[in-house]
Amino acid sequence: MLCYFWLLTWTSLRLAAAPAATPAAPPTPPKLTTDQLITRLTGAIENLKTLRCNVRAQERIGTSYQQARTSMKMAFRPYRVYLRNHKGIEVLWVEGQNDGDAWVYPNSFPYVTLSLDPNGALMRKSQHHSVLDAGYGTIAEMLRGSSQRQDHALERSFRYTTDTTLAGRPAHVLRADYPAFRYVPYKPAKPETVAAIAARFGCGEYRILERNGLTPDATVPAGKTIQVPNAYGRRILICVDQKLYLPLLVQVHDDKGLFERFEFNDIVANQPIPPQEFTKDYKDYKL
């Protein structure tokens, strides 16, 4: 009996002295592939129903940079957008209303609301993008490329390169490199609008306008040679929110260096926006 008691005691002491088993670490999730990240990013953009965010923009105009901070709210299908920048300028565009024009409050003399063509010279002056391109539409076009482009090397060069943190939000980083970026001569066989030429080359309209001294509503005559970028940029960086899969940062470089940079903050996606917030007489607007 004593031997048995001693054996039990000795065994209990050994068990008590043994280190506790360490729980197995949870398996590390497999890293996203580039294709998976692009699919989730484009899907998140295409499935947006509403969007609220603040945007900090830096755009190269001539040889200098224009800075802007804009509060934005949007609804899709039908498309409606309201913008208010740091200068107090307000813009409202609603699909099917105001004969296709935007309501614009300039916050300067004579302090009256104007109706302006969103693609006209006044609204596009010193602007890379139209109000109709607000949000993430241009980014989706960068990723998929124009269906009219013969060279899709830029789109195929996008790679998921690393992870980072922007304003406290974890993000995946997509990068595209296209060292062949340059301006090429283009001579339309029939009259073409600048918008149609930009779609053909997937380059955006602004640099075509700037390089050739054209206005946004211009039509290039048949046989006239103009200079056109052969892609949207030489290097493109997109930081994608790891939760929302929407862009937090888009930065584009071309042959002259930084072309444009957009930072998206305070993003609220797919939460209902009351319809009255897309009306000219909404109580919080000066329109």
Foldseek 3Di string as FASTA:
>chain_A
DVVVVVVVVVVVVVVVPDDDDDDDDPDDPDDDWQVRLLVLLLVLVVPFAKKWWKKWKWADDPNHIDIKIKTKIWGVPPTWIWIAIPLRKIWTATPPPPVQWIWIQGNDPPRDIDTHHQLFQVNCPVHQDTPVCPDCNLVSCQQVDFPLAPDPQQNVQWGFDAWDADPRFIWTKIKTAAQVKDKDKDAAQAKAALVVVCSNQQAGRPVQCVQAVHTSGDIDGGGDIGIDINHNARMWMFIAGPPSSYTQKIWGAHPVGTRMIMGIHPMDTDDDDPPLVNDPVRPVGSD
